[in-house]
Amino acid sequence: MQSKKLAKPKPGPNTVSYLDIAEIRDDMVILKDGTVRAVLLVSSINFALKSEDEQEAIIQAYMSFLNGLEFPIQIVIQSRRMNIDVYMNALKEQEQKSENDLLRAQISDYRTFVSELVELGQIMQKRFYLVLPYDPLTNKRKNFWTRLSESLSPAASAKLNQKQLADRIEQLSRRVDVIQSELNSMGLASARLDTQSLIELYYNVYNPDLFEEEKLTNLDEIQVES
């Protein structure tokens, strides 16, 4: 019998094909179904340290916030091991610039102490995010047929025309302004993630181990061949 070469297995689909994200641009996430998302980074408050009256006021403000929502939101709490690379690099620079031998030795000992403390203590850092969606089908300001036509011709692979894209940017920005105002009334500061921050956020979510070893390139430094 003549031997036959074993056929090589066909490569499976790319991991990206399993993601709902089609594109990230204009400070928003565009999903494959044509809907878009904005993400807010929200500060936190130590509720336990507040007085009883302050706690009651916060609870009432939060209830008012939830009852006033006209669209769904997603609250995401992310726990990650604290990354102190930037702080440690700054200390290292100070150590190298210092002309005082004693001060240089103290900075070195402090760097070692902080590094071991974070390593042994497994210090975690929590971040709080608020995800705001916009779906043309749920926009009550438009008539039914307009909403339906926009939902039936979604952004397949993020192929939105300029009119659709401008509409999503405008509607999402309005929602961001409203939510930020409500959060401010509860004493919570918030900031909308820009395009670079969104890419880093989702890259970190899907590649938690790789993110620490391979940092993303800033968008301004990426060269695209024409």
N, C-alpha and C. Protein backbone atom coordinates (compact mmCIF):
# COMPACT_ATOMS: atom_id res chain seq x y z
N MET A 1 0.84 -1.19 0.00
CA MET A 1 0.00 0.00 0.00
C MET A 1 0.88 1.25 0.00
N GLN A 2 0.42 2.24 -0.75
CA GLN A 2 1.19 3.48 -0.82
C GLN A 2 0.80 4.37 0.35
N SER A 3 1.80 4.81 1.06
CA SER A 3 1.51 5.66 2.22
C SER A 3 1.00 7.02 1.77
N LYS A 4 0.12 7.54 2.54
CA LYS A 4 -0.44 8.85 2.26
C LYS A 4 -0.03 9.81 3.37
N LYS A 5 0.27 11.01 2.97
CA LYS A 5 0.63 12.01 3.96
C LYS A 5 -0.61 12.43 4.75
N LEU A 6 -0.40 12.53 6.01
CA LEU A 6 -1.53 12.95 6.85
C LEU A 6 -1.90 14.39 6.54
N ALA A 7 -3.15 14.60 6.34
CA ALA A 7 -3.63 15.95 6.05
C ALA A 7 -3.52 16.81 7.29
N LYS A 8 -2.98 18.00 7.12
CA LYS A 8 -2.83 18.91 8.25
C LYS A 8 -4.21 19.47 8.64
N PRO A 9 -4.47 19.54 9.92
CA PRO A 9 -5.77 20.07 10.35
C PRO A 9 -5.91 21.54 9.95
N LYS A 10 -7.09 21.88 9.52
CA LYS A 10 -7.35 23.25 9.12
C LYS A 10 -7.39 24.14 10.36
N PRO A 11 -6.79 25.31 10.26
CA PRO A 11 -6.81 26.21 11.42
C PRO A 11 -8.23 26.64 11.75
N GLY A 12 -8.52 26.72 13.04
CA GLY A 12 -9.85 27.12 13.47
C GLY A 12 -10.07 28.61 13.27
N PRO A 13 -11.28 29.06 13.49
CA PRO A 13 -11.58 30.48 13.33
C PRO A 13 -10.80 31.33 14.32
N ASN A 14 -10.50 32.55 13.91
CA ASN A 14 -9.77 33.48 14.76
C ASN A 14 -10.58 33.81 16.00
N THR A 15 -9.86 34.03 17.12
CA THR A 15 -10.53 34.35 18.38
C THR A 15 -11.41 35.58 18.25
N VAL A 16 -10.96 36.53 17.43
CA VAL A 16 -11.71 37.78 17.26
C VAL A 16 -13.12 37.53 16.75
N SER A 17 -13.29 36.44 15.97
CA SER A 17 -14.60 36.16 15.39
C SER A 17 -15.63 35.81 16.45
N TYR A 18 -15.17 35.43 17.65
CA TYR A 18 -16.10 35.09 18.72
C TYR A 18 -16.51 36.30 19.55
N LEU A 19 -15.84 37.41 19.36
CA LEU A 19 -16.15 38.62 20.12
C LEU A 19 -17.30 39.38 19.49
N ASP A 20 -18.07 40.04 20.33
CA ASP A 20 -19.18 40.86 19.84
C ASP A 20 -18.71 42.21 19.33
N ILE A 21 -17.47 42.57 19.64
CA ILE A 21 -16.95 43.89 19.27
C ILE A 21 -16.52 43.88 17.81
N ALA A 22 -17.03 44.86 17.05
CA ALA A 22 -16.64 45.02 15.66
C ALA A 22 -15.53 46.04 15.52
N GLU A 23 -15.63 47.13 16.31
CA GLU A 23 -14.64 48.19 16.18
C GLU A 23 -14.71 49.09 17.41
N ILE A 24 -13.59 49.72 17.71
CA ILE A 24 -13.53 50.72 18.78
C ILE A 24 -13.02 52.01 18.16
N ARG A 25 -13.85 53.05 18.19
CA ARG A 25 -13.47 54.33 17.59
C ARG A 25 -14.35 55.43 18.16
N ASP A 26 -13.90 56.67 18.02
CA ASP A 26 -14.68 57.84 18.46
C ASP A 26 -15.14 57.71 19.91
N ASP A 27 -14.28 57.16 20.76
CA ASP A 27 -14.55 57.01 22.20
C ASP A 27 -15.76 56.12 22.48
N MET A 28 -16.02 55.17 21.60
CA MET A 28 -17.13 54.24 21.84
C MET A 28 -16.81 52.88 21.24
N VAL A 29 -17.52 51.87 21.75
CA VAL A 29 -17.36 50.50 21.27
C VAL A 29 -18.53 50.19 20.33
N ILE A 30 -18.22 49.80 19.11
CA ILE A 30 -19.25 49.44 18.14
C ILE A 30 -19.35 47.93 18.08
N LEU A 31 -20.54 47.41 18.37
CA LEU A 31 -20.75 45.97 18.34
C LEU A 31 -21.18 45.53 16.94
N LYS A 32 -21.13 44.23 16.71
CA LYS A 32 -21.44 43.70 15.39
C LYS A 32 -22.92 43.83 15.03
N ASP A 33 -23.78 44.04 16.03
CA ASP A 33 -25.20 44.20 15.75
C ASP A 33 -25.57 45.66 15.49
N GLY A 34 -24.58 46.55 15.44
CA GLY A 34 -24.85 47.95 15.14
C GLY A 34 -25.07 48.82 16.35
N THR A 35 -25.19 48.23 17.54
CA THR A 35 -25.35 49.02 18.75
C THR A 35 -23.98 49.49 19.23
N VAL A 36 -23.98 50.51 20.08
CA VAL A 36 -22.71 51.09 20.54
C VAL A 36 -22.71 51.19 22.06
N ARG A 37 -21.53 51.33 22.63
CA ARG A 37 -21.36 51.42 24.08
C ARG A 37 -20.36 52.52 24.42
N ALA A 38 -20.65 53.25 25.48
CA ALA A 38 -19.69 54.16 26.09
C ALA A 38 -19.38 53.61 27.48
N VAL A 39 -18.16 53.83 27.94
CA VAL A 39 -17.75 53.31 29.24
C VAL A 39 -17.25 54.47 30.10
N LEU A 40 -17.79 54.54 31.31
CA LEU A 40 -17.37 55.56 32.27
C LEU A 40 -16.56 54.91 33.38
N LEU A 41 -15.45 55.53 33.73
CA LEU A 41 -14.69 55.13 34.92
C LEU A 41 -15.20 55.98 36.07
N VAL A 42 -15.70 55.32 37.12
CA VAL A 42 -16.39 56.02 38.20
C VAL A 42 -15.60 55.87 39.50
N SER A 43 -15.54 56.95 40.24
CA SER A 43 -14.84 56.91 41.54
C SER A 43 -15.69 56.15 42.56
N SER A 44 -15.13 55.92 43.72
CA SER A 44 -15.86 55.22 44.78
C SER A 44 -15.89 56.08 46.04
N ILE A 45 -16.79 55.73 46.95
CA ILE A 45 -16.87 56.41 48.24
C ILE A 45 -16.87 55.35 49.33
N ASN A 46 -16.32 55.71 50.47
CA ASN A 46 -16.32 54.79 51.61
C ASN A 46 -17.62 54.99 52.38
N PHE A 47 -18.60 54.15 52.06
CA PHE A 47 -19.94 54.30 52.63
C PHE A 47 -19.92 54.13 54.15
N ALA A 48 -19.06 53.23 54.65
CA ALA A 48 -19.03 52.93 56.09
C ALA A 48 -18.56 54.11 56.92
N LEU A 49 -17.77 54.99 56.33
CA LEU A 49 -17.24 56.13 57.07
C LEU A 49 -18.18 57.33 57.08
N LYS A 50 -19.27 57.23 56.33
CA LYS A 50 -20.23 58.33 56.29
C LYS A 50 -21.13 58.30 57.52
N SER A 51 -21.63 59.47 57.89
CA SER A 51 -22.58 59.54 59.00
C SER A 51 -23.90 58.91 58.56
N GLU A 52 -24.78 58.70 59.53
CA GLU A 52 -26.08 58.08 59.22
C GLU A 52 -26.89 58.94 58.25
N ASP A 53 -26.87 60.24 58.45
CA ASP A 53 -27.61 61.13 57.56
C ASP A 53 -27.02 61.11 56.15
N GLU A 54 -25.68 61.08 56.07
CA GLU A 54 -25.02 61.04 54.76
C GLU A 54 -25.32 59.73 54.05
N GLN A 55 -25.32 58.64 54.80
CA GLN A 55 -25.65 57.35 54.19
C GLN A 55 -27.07 57.34 53.64
N GLU A 56 -27.98 57.90 54.39
CA GLU A 56 -29.38 57.96 53.96
C GLU A 56 -29.51 58.81 52.70
N ALA A 57 -28.77 59.90 52.64
CA ALA A 57 -28.82 60.78 51.47
C ALA A 57 -28.27 60.07 50.25
N ILE A 58 -27.20 59.31 50.44
CA ILE A 58 -26.60 58.57 49.32
C ILE A 58 -27.56 57.50 48.80
N ILE A 59 -28.21 56.80 49.73
CA ILE A 59 -29.17 55.75 49.34
C ILE A 59 -30.33 56.35 48.56
N GLN A 60 -30.85 57.47 49.03
CA GLN A 60 -31.97 58.12 48.34
C GLN A 60 -31.55 58.61 46.95
N ALA A 61 -30.33 59.15 46.86
CA ALA A 61 -29.83 59.62 45.57
C ALA A 61 -29.65 58.45 44.60
N TYR A 62 -29.19 57.32 45.12
CA TYR A 62 -29.01 56.13 44.28
C TYR A 62 -30.36 55.59 43.81
N MET A 63 -31.34 55.59 44.69
CA MET A 63 -32.68 55.13 44.31
C MET A 63 -33.26 56.04 43.23
N SER A 64 -33.07 57.34 43.40
CA SER A 64 -33.56 58.29 42.41
C SER A 64 -32.86 58.09 41.07
N PHE A 65 -31.58 57.79 41.15
CA PHE A 65 -30.80 57.54 39.93
C PHE A 65 -31.33 56.32 39.18
N LEU A 66 -31.58 55.23 39.89
CA LEU A 66 -32.07 54.01 39.25
C LEU A 66 -33.48 54.19 38.70
N ASN A 67 -34.35 54.85 39.48
CA ASN A 67 -35.73 55.04 39.04
C ASN A 67 -35.84 55.98 37.84
N GLY A 68 -34.85 56.84 37.66
CA GLY A 68 -34.90 57.80 36.57
C GLY A 68 -34.29 57.30 35.27
N LEU A 69 -33.74 56.10 35.29
CA LEU A 69 -33.11 55.57 34.08
C LEU A 69 -34.15 55.23 33.01
N GLU A 70 -33.87 55.62 31.78
CA GLU A 70 -34.74 55.30 30.65
C GLU A 70 -34.12 54.24 29.75
N PHE A 71 -32.96 53.74 30.13
CA PHE A 71 -32.28 52.72 29.33
C PHE A 71 -31.45 51.87 30.29
N PRO A 72 -31.14 50.65 29.88
CA PRO A 72 -30.36 49.76 30.77
C PRO A 72 -28.92 50.22 30.88
N ILE A 73 -28.30 49.94 32.00
CA ILE A 73 -26.88 50.21 32.20
C ILE A 73 -26.23 48.94 32.75
N GLN A 74 -24.93 48.90 32.68
CA GLN A 74 -24.18 47.76 33.21
C GLN A 74 -23.12 48.29 34.17
N ILE A 75 -23.12 47.78 35.39
CA ILE A 75 -22.13 48.16 36.39
C ILE A 75 -21.08 47.06 36.48
N VAL A 76 -19.84 47.40 36.24
CA VAL A 76 -18.76 46.42 36.23
C VAL A 76 -17.73 46.79 37.30
N ILE A 77 -17.41 45.85 38.16
CA ILE A 77 -16.37 46.03 39.18
C ILE A 77 -15.21 45.12 38.81
N GLN A 78 -14.07 45.71 38.57
CA GLN A 78 -12.90 44.95 38.13
C GLN A 78 -11.85 44.94 39.22
N SER A 79 -11.46 43.75 39.62
CA SER A 79 -10.40 43.58 40.62
C SER A 79 -9.15 43.06 39.94
N ARG A 80 -8.09 43.80 40.07
CA ARG A 80 -6.83 43.42 39.46
C ARG A 80 -5.70 43.61 40.47
N ARG A 81 -4.68 42.82 40.33
CA ARG A 81 -3.50 43.00 41.16
C ARG A 81 -2.91 44.38 40.87
N MET A 82 -2.58 45.10 41.92
CA MET A 82 -2.11 46.47 41.77
C MET A 82 -0.82 46.52 40.96
N ASN A 83 -0.83 47.37 39.94
CA ASN A 83 0.34 47.56 39.09
C ASN A 83 1.05 48.83 39.52
N ILE A 84 2.27 48.68 40.03
CA ILE A 84 3.02 49.83 40.54
C ILE A 84 4.26 50.10 39.69
N ASP A 85 4.23 49.64 38.44
CA ASP A 85 5.40 49.79 37.57
C ASP A 85 5.78 51.25 37.38
N VAL A 86 4.78 52.09 37.15
CA VAL A 86 5.06 53.51 36.91
C VAL A 86 5.69 54.15 38.15
N TYR A 87 5.14 53.81 39.32
CA TYR A 87 5.67 54.36 40.57
C TYR A 87 7.09 53.87 40.83
N MET A 88 7.33 52.58 40.57
CA MET A 88 8.66 52.02 40.81
C MET A 88 9.69 52.60 39.84
N ASN A 89 9.28 52.83 38.60
CA ASN A 89 10.19 53.44 37.63
C ASN A 89 10.54 54.87 38.02
N ALA A 90 9.56 55.59 38.58
CA ALA A 90 9.82 56.96 39.03
C ALA A 90 10.82 56.96 40.19
N LEU A 91 10.68 56.00 41.10
CA LEU A 91 11.63 55.89 42.21
C LEU A 91 13.04 55.55 41.70
N LYS A 92 13.07 54.68 40.71
CA LYS A 92 14.37 54.30 40.15
C LYS A 92 15.07 55.49 39.52
N GLU A 93 14.30 56.34 38.83
CA GLU A 93 14.87 57.54 38.22
C GLU A 93 15.40 58.49 39.29
N GLN A 94 14.63 58.63 40.38
CA GLN A 94 15.08 59.48 41.47
C GLN A 94 16.36 58.94 42.11
N GLU A 95 16.43 57.63 42.21
CA GLU A 95 17.61 57.01 42.77
C GLU A 95 18.84 57.28 41.91
N GLN A 96 18.67 57.19 40.60
CA GLN A 96 19.79 57.41 39.69
C GLN A 96 20.22 58.87 39.64
N LYS A 97 19.25 59.78 39.81
CA LYS A 97 19.57 61.20 39.74
C LYS A 97 20.18 61.73 41.04
N SER A 98 19.91 61.06 42.14
CA SER A 98 20.37 61.54 43.44
C SER A 98 21.90 61.48 43.53
N GLU A 99 22.48 62.56 44.04
CA GLU A 99 23.92 62.63 44.21
C GLU A 99 24.34 62.30 45.64
N ASN A 100 23.34 62.13 46.51
CA ASN A 100 23.60 61.81 47.91
C ASN A 100 23.59 60.29 48.09
N ASP A 101 24.71 59.73 48.53
CA ASP A 101 24.82 58.28 48.67
C ASP A 101 23.81 57.72 49.67
N LEU A 102 23.61 58.43 50.78
CA LEU A 102 22.67 57.96 51.79
C LEU A 102 21.24 57.97 51.26
N LEU A 103 20.88 59.04 50.58
CA LEU A 103 19.53 59.13 50.02
C LEU A 103 19.32 58.07 48.95
N ARG A 104 20.35 57.81 48.16
CA ARG A 104 20.26 56.80 47.12
C ARG A 104 20.03 55.42 47.73
N ALA A 105 20.71 55.14 48.84
CA ALA A 105 20.56 53.85 49.52
C ALA A 105 19.17 53.72 50.13
N GLN A 106 18.65 54.83 50.68
CA GLN A 106 17.31 54.80 51.27
C GLN A 106 16.24 54.56 50.21
N ILE A 107 16.39 55.18 49.04
CA ILE A 107 15.42 54.97 47.95
C ILE A 107 15.47 53.53 47.48
N SER A 108 16.67 52.98 47.40
CA SER A 108 16.81 51.58 46.98
C SER A 108 16.12 50.64 47.97
N ASP A 109 16.34 50.87 49.27
CA ASP A 109 15.69 50.03 50.29
C ASP A 109 14.18 50.18 50.24
N TYR A 110 13.72 51.40 49.99
CA TYR A 110 12.27 51.64 49.93
C TYR A 110 11.66 50.94 48.73
N ARG A 111 12.35 50.96 47.59
CA ARG A 111 11.87 50.27 46.40
C ARG A 111 11.72 48.78 46.67
N THR A 112 12.72 48.22 47.34
CA THR A 112 12.68 46.80 47.67
C THR A 112 11.52 46.49 48.61
N PHE A 113 11.32 47.36 49.61
CA PHE A 113 10.24 47.16 50.58
C PHE A 113 8.87 47.19 49.90
N VAL A 114 8.64 48.19 49.05
CA VAL A 114 7.34 48.32 48.37
C VAL A 114 7.11 47.13 47.45
N SER A 115 8.13 46.73 46.72
CA SER A 115 8.00 45.60 45.81
C SER A 115 7.64 44.32 46.55
N GLU A 116 8.31 44.06 47.66
CA GLU A 116 8.03 42.85 48.45
C GLU A 116 6.65 42.92 49.11
N LEU A 117 6.26 44.12 49.53
CA LEU A 117 4.95 44.29 50.17
C LEU A 117 3.82 43.96 49.21
N VAL A 118 3.92 44.45 47.99
CA VAL A 118 2.90 44.17 46.99
C VAL A 118 2.91 42.71 46.59
N GLU A 119 4.10 42.13 46.51
CA GLU A 119 4.23 40.73 46.11
C GLU A 119 3.67 39.79 47.16
N LEU A 120 4.01 40.02 48.41
CA LEU A 120 3.58 39.13 49.49
C LEU A 120 2.12 39.38 49.89
N GLY A 121 1.73 40.64 49.87
CA GLY A 121 0.38 40.97 50.32
C GLY A 121 -0.69 40.77 49.29
N GLN A 122 -0.28 40.55 48.01
CA GLN A 122 -1.25 40.40 46.93
C GLN A 122 -2.29 41.54 46.97
N ILE A 123 -1.79 42.75 46.98
CA ILE A 123 -2.66 43.92 47.07
C ILE A 123 -3.45 44.07 45.77
N MET A 124 -4.76 44.16 45.92
CA MET A 124 -5.65 44.26 44.76
C MET A 124 -6.14 45.70 44.58
N GLN A 125 -6.40 46.03 43.35
CA GLN A 125 -6.93 47.34 43.01
C GLN A 125 -8.29 47.17 42.36
N LYS A 126 -9.27 47.90 42.87
CA LYS A 126 -10.62 47.82 42.32
C LYS A 126 -10.92 49.05 41.47
N ARG A 127 -11.54 48.80 40.34
CA ARG A 127 -12.00 49.88 39.48
C ARG A 127 -13.47 49.66 39.15
N PHE A 128 -14.18 50.77 39.07
CA PHE A 128 -15.63 50.70 38.86
C PHE A 128 -15.97 51.35 37.52
N TYR A 129 -16.70 50.60 36.71
CA TYR A 129 -17.06 51.07 35.38
C TYR A 129 -18.58 51.06 35.20
N LEU A 130 -19.06 51.98 34.41
CA LEU A 130 -20.47 52.05 34.06
C LEU A 130 -20.55 52.01 32.54
N VAL A 131 -21.23 51.00 32.01
CA VAL A 131 -21.34 50.83 30.56
C VAL A 131 -22.71 51.34 30.11
N LEU A 132 -22.69 52.29 29.18
CA LEU A 132 -23.92 52.89 28.68
C LEU A 132 -24.14 52.47 27.24
N PRO A 133 -25.30 51.86 26.95
CA PRO A 133 -25.57 51.41 25.58
C PRO A 133 -26.42 52.40 24.80
N TYR A 134 -26.36 52.27 23.49
CA TYR A 134 -27.34 52.95 22.64
C TYR A 134 -27.72 52.01 21.53
N ASP A 135 -29.02 51.75 21.44
CA ASP A 135 -29.59 50.89 20.41
C ASP A 135 -30.63 51.70 19.66
N PRO A 136 -30.47 51.91 18.35
CA PRO A 136 -31.44 52.71 17.59
C PRO A 136 -32.88 52.22 17.74
N LEU A 137 -33.06 50.92 17.97
CA LEU A 137 -34.40 50.37 18.08
C LEU A 137 -35.13 50.84 19.34
N THR A 138 -34.36 51.26 20.37
CA THR A 138 -34.96 51.68 21.64
C THR A 138 -35.03 53.19 21.78
N ASN A 139 -34.65 53.92 20.73
CA ASN A 139 -34.70 55.37 20.79
C ASN A 139 -36.13 55.84 20.58
N LYS A 140 -36.81 56.23 21.64
CA LYS A 140 -38.22 56.58 21.58
C LYS A 140 -38.47 57.91 20.86
N ARG A 141 -37.43 58.70 20.66
CA ARG A 141 -37.60 59.98 19.99
C ARG A 141 -37.84 59.81 18.49
N LYS A 142 -37.48 58.64 17.96
CA LYS A 142 -37.70 58.38 16.55
C LYS A 142 -38.95 57.53 16.38
N ASN A 143 -39.56 57.63 15.20
CA ASN A 143 -40.76 56.82 14.98
C ASN A 143 -40.36 55.35 14.79
N PHE A 144 -41.35 54.48 14.85
CA PHE A 144 -41.09 53.05 14.86
C PHE A 144 -40.37 52.59 13.60
N TRP A 145 -40.80 53.06 12.43
CA TRP A 145 -40.24 52.58 11.18
C TRP A 145 -38.79 53.02 11.01
N THR A 146 -38.47 54.21 11.50
CA THR A 146 -37.09 54.67 11.43
C THR A 146 -36.19 53.81 12.30
N ARG A 147 -36.68 53.51 13.52
CA ARG A 147 -35.91 52.66 14.43
C ARG A 147 -35.75 51.25 13.88
N LEU A 148 -36.82 50.74 13.26
CA LEU A 148 -36.78 49.38 12.73
C LEU A 148 -35.83 49.28 11.55
N SER A 149 -35.86 50.28 10.67
CA SER A 149 -34.98 50.24 9.50
C SER A 149 -33.52 50.31 9.90
N GLU A 150 -33.21 51.09 10.95
CA GLU A 150 -31.84 51.20 11.40
C GLU A 150 -31.37 49.92 12.07
N SER A 151 -32.29 49.23 12.75
CA SER A 151 -31.91 47.99 13.44
C SER A 151 -31.75 46.84 12.45
N LEU A 152 -32.47 46.89 11.32
CA LEU A 152 -32.38 45.83 10.33
C LEU A 152 -31.18 46.01 9.41
N SER A 153 -30.57 47.17 9.45
CA SER A 153 -29.37 47.39 8.65
C SER A 153 -28.23 47.81 9.57
N PRO A 154 -27.85 46.91 10.48
CA PRO A 154 -26.85 47.26 11.49
C PRO A 154 -25.46 47.40 10.90
N ALA A 155 -24.52 47.68 11.77
CA ALA A 155 -23.13 47.89 11.35
C ALA A 155 -22.41 46.56 11.23
N ALA A 156 -22.73 45.83 10.19
CA ALA A 156 -22.04 44.57 9.98
C ALA A 156 -20.57 44.86 9.79
N SER A 157 -19.78 44.28 10.72
CA SER A 157 -18.34 44.54 10.75
C SER A 157 -18.05 46.03 10.83
N ALA A 158 -18.89 46.75 11.55
CA ALA A 158 -18.69 48.17 11.82
C ALA A 158 -18.78 49.03 10.57
N LYS A 159 -19.52 48.58 9.53
CA LYS A 159 -19.65 49.36 8.30
C LYS A 159 -20.83 50.32 8.42
N LEU A 160 -20.67 51.29 9.26
CA LEU A 160 -21.69 52.31 9.45
C LEU A 160 -21.45 53.44 8.46
N ASN A 161 -22.56 53.97 7.90
CA ASN A 161 -22.37 55.15 7.07
C ASN A 161 -22.21 56.36 7.98
N GLN A 162 -21.82 57.48 7.40
CA GLN A 162 -21.51 58.66 8.20
C GLN A 162 -22.72 59.15 8.99
N LYS A 163 -23.92 59.04 8.41
CA LYS A 163 -25.12 59.51 9.09
C LYS A 163 -25.42 58.63 10.31
N GLN A 164 -25.32 57.32 10.14
CA GLN A 164 -25.56 56.41 11.25
C GLN A 164 -24.53 56.61 12.36
N LEU A 165 -23.28 56.78 11.96
CA LEU A 165 -22.21 56.96 12.93
C LEU A 165 -22.40 58.26 13.72
N ALA A 166 -22.73 59.34 13.02
CA ALA A 166 -22.95 60.63 13.67
C ALA A 166 -24.11 60.57 14.64
N ASP A 167 -25.17 59.83 14.27
CA ASP A 167 -26.34 59.70 15.14
C ASP A 167 -25.98 58.95 16.41
N ARG A 168 -25.21 57.89 16.27
CA ARG A 168 -24.83 57.10 17.45
C ARG A 168 -23.91 57.90 18.37
N ILE A 169 -22.99 58.66 17.79
CA ILE A 169 -22.09 59.49 18.59
C ILE A 169 -22.89 60.53 19.37
N GLU A 170 -23.85 61.17 18.71
CA GLU A 170 -24.64 62.22 19.36
C GLU A 170 -25.52 61.65 20.47
N GLN A 171 -26.24 60.57 20.18
CA GLN A 171 -27.15 60.00 21.16
C GLN A 171 -26.40 59.44 22.36
N LEU A 172 -25.26 58.83 22.11
CA LEU A 172 -24.48 58.26 23.20
C LEU A 172 -23.89 59.37 24.07
N SER A 173 -23.46 60.45 23.45
CA SER A 173 -22.90 61.58 24.21
C SER A 173 -23.95 62.19 25.12
N ARG A 174 -25.19 62.27 24.65
CA ARG A 174 -26.28 62.80 25.48
C ARG A 174 -26.49 61.92 26.71
N ARG A 175 -26.47 60.64 26.51
CA ARG A 175 -26.66 59.73 27.64
C ARG A 175 -25.51 59.85 28.64
N VAL A 176 -24.31 60.00 28.12
CA VAL A 176 -23.14 60.16 28.99
C VAL A 176 -23.29 61.41 29.85
N ASP A 177 -23.71 62.52 29.24
CA ASP A 177 -23.88 63.78 29.98
C ASP A 177 -24.92 63.64 31.09
N VAL A 178 -26.03 62.97 30.77
CA VAL A 178 -27.10 62.79 31.76
C VAL A 178 -26.61 61.94 32.93
N ILE A 179 -25.96 60.83 32.63
CA ILE A 179 -25.50 59.91 33.67
C ILE A 179 -24.42 60.56 34.52
N GLN A 180 -23.51 61.28 33.91
CA GLN A 180 -22.45 61.95 34.68
C GLN A 180 -23.03 62.99 35.63
N SER A 181 -24.08 63.67 35.20
CA SER A 181 -24.74 64.65 36.07
C SER A 181 -25.38 63.95 37.27
N GLU A 182 -26.01 62.80 37.03
CA GLU A 182 -26.64 62.05 38.11
C GLU A 182 -25.59 61.50 39.08
N LEU A 183 -24.49 61.01 38.54
CA LEU A 183 -23.42 60.49 39.40
C LEU A 183 -22.83 61.60 40.25
N ASN A 184 -22.69 62.77 39.67
CA ASN A 184 -22.13 63.91 40.41
C ASN A 184 -23.01 64.29 41.59
N SER A 185 -24.33 64.12 41.43
CA SER A 185 -25.25 64.44 42.51
C SER A 185 -25.09 63.48 43.69
N MET A 186 -24.51 62.32 43.44
CA MET A 186 -24.25 61.35 44.51
C MET A 186 -22.84 61.48 45.06
N GLY A 187 -22.10 62.47 44.58
CA GLY A 187 -20.73 62.66 45.04
C GLY A 187 -19.73 61.75 44.35
N LEU A 188 -20.10 61.23 43.19
CA LEU A 188 -19.22 60.33 42.45
C LEU A 188 -18.67 61.03 41.22
N ALA A 189 -17.35 61.08 41.12
CA ALA A 189 -16.72 61.64 39.93
C ALA A 189 -16.64 60.56 38.86
N SER A 190 -16.69 60.97 37.61
CA SER A 190 -16.63 60.00 36.52
C SER A 190 -15.91 60.60 35.32
N ALA A 191 -15.36 59.72 34.50
CA ALA A 191 -14.66 60.16 33.29
C ALA A 191 -14.95 59.15 32.19
N ARG A 192 -15.26 59.66 31.01
CA ARG A 192 -15.53 58.78 29.88
C ARG A 192 -14.21 58.29 29.29
N LEU A 193 -14.10 57.00 29.06
CA LEU A 193 -12.90 56.44 28.48
C LEU A 193 -12.80 56.81 27.00
N ASP A 194 -11.61 57.28 26.60
CA ASP A 194 -11.42 57.59 25.19
C ASP A 194 -11.06 56.31 24.43
N THR A 195 -10.79 56.46 23.15
CA THR A 195 -10.56 55.28 22.30
C THR A 195 -9.38 54.45 22.79
N GLN A 196 -8.27 55.12 23.11
CA GLN A 196 -7.08 54.40 23.59
C GLN A 196 -7.37 53.66 24.89
N SER A 197 -8.08 54.32 25.81
CA SER A 197 -8.39 53.70 27.10
C SER A 197 -9.34 52.52 26.93
N LEU A 198 -10.27 52.62 26.00
CA LEU A 198 -11.20 51.52 25.74
C LEU A 198 -10.45 50.29 25.20
N ILE A 199 -9.53 50.54 24.28
CA ILE A 199 -8.75 49.43 23.71
C ILE A 199 -7.94 48.75 24.81
N GLU A 200 -7.32 49.54 25.67
CA GLU A 200 -6.52 48.97 26.76
C GLU A 200 -7.41 48.21 27.74
N LEU A 201 -8.61 48.74 28.01
CA LEU A 201 -9.53 48.07 28.93
C LEU A 201 -9.92 46.70 28.42
N TYR A 202 -10.36 46.62 27.17
CA TYR A 202 -10.81 45.34 26.64
C TYR A 202 -9.64 44.39 26.39
N TYR A 203 -8.50 44.94 26.04
CA TYR A 203 -7.31 44.10 25.88
C TYR A 203 -6.93 43.47 27.22
N ASN A 204 -7.06 44.25 28.28
CA ASN A 204 -6.76 43.75 29.62
C ASN A 204 -7.78 42.71 30.06
N VAL A 205 -9.04 42.93 29.72
CA VAL A 205 -10.10 41.99 30.10
C VAL A 205 -9.90 40.63 29.43
N TYR A 206 -9.59 40.64 28.15
CA TYR A 206 -9.46 39.39 27.41
C TYR A 206 -8.06 38.78 27.50
N ASN A 207 -7.07 39.59 27.93
CA ASN A 207 -5.70 39.07 28.06
C ASN A 207 -5.09 39.54 29.38
N PRO A 208 -5.64 39.10 30.52
CA PRO A 208 -5.18 39.60 31.82
C PRO A 208 -3.72 39.29 32.11
N ASP A 209 -3.23 38.13 31.67
CA ASP A 209 -1.84 37.76 31.93
C ASP A 209 -0.90 38.43 30.93
N LEU A 210 -1.31 38.43 29.67
CA LEU A 210 -0.48 39.00 28.62
C LEU A 210 -0.35 40.50 28.76
N PHE A 211 -1.36 41.15 29.31
CA PHE A 211 -1.37 42.60 29.41
C PHE A 211 -0.21 43.12 30.25
N GLU A 212 0.17 42.37 31.28
CA GLU A 212 1.25 42.80 32.15
C GLU A 212 2.61 42.70 31.46
N GLU A 213 2.73 41.77 30.49
CA GLU A 213 4.01 41.56 29.84
C GLU A 213 4.16 42.35 28.55
N GLU A 214 3.07 42.48 27.79
CA GLU A 214 3.12 43.17 26.51
C GLU A 214 2.18 44.37 26.55
N LYS A 215 2.76 45.55 26.66
CA LYS A 215 1.97 46.76 26.72
C LYS A 215 1.53 47.16 25.31
N LEU A 216 0.35 47.76 25.23
CA LEU A 216 -0.16 48.21 23.95
C LEU A 216 0.55 49.47 23.49
N THR A 217 0.67 49.61 22.19
CA THR A 217 1.24 50.81 21.61
C THR A 217 0.19 51.91 21.58
N ASN A 218 0.60 53.12 21.88
CA ASN A 218 -0.32 54.24 21.82
C ASN A 218 -0.83 54.41 20.40
N LEU A 219 -2.11 54.76 20.26
CA LEU A 219 -2.71 54.91 18.94
C LEU A 219 -1.98 55.93 18.08
N ASP A 220 -1.49 56.99 18.71
CA ASP A 220 -0.79 58.04 17.95
C ASP A 220 0.52 57.55 17.37
N GLU A 221 1.04 56.44 17.92
CA GLU A 221 2.32 55.92 17.44
C GLU A 221 2.15 54.80 16.43
N ILE A 222 0.89 54.40 16.18
CA ILE A 222 0.64 53.33 15.23
C ILE A 222 0.63 53.90 13.82
N GLN A 223 1.42 53.32 12.92
CA GLN A 223 1.48 53.76 11.54
C GLN A 223 0.67 52.80 10.69
N VAL A 224 -0.27 53.33 9.94
CA VAL A 224 -1.13 52.53 9.08
C VAL A 224 -0.71 52.75 7.64
N GLU A 225 -0.40 51.67 6.96
CA GLU A 225 0.01 51.79 5.57
C GLU A 225 -1.20 52.11 4.69
N SER A 226 -1.05 53.08 3.83
CA SER A 226 -2.15 53.47 2.94
C SER A 226 -2.09 52.68 1.64
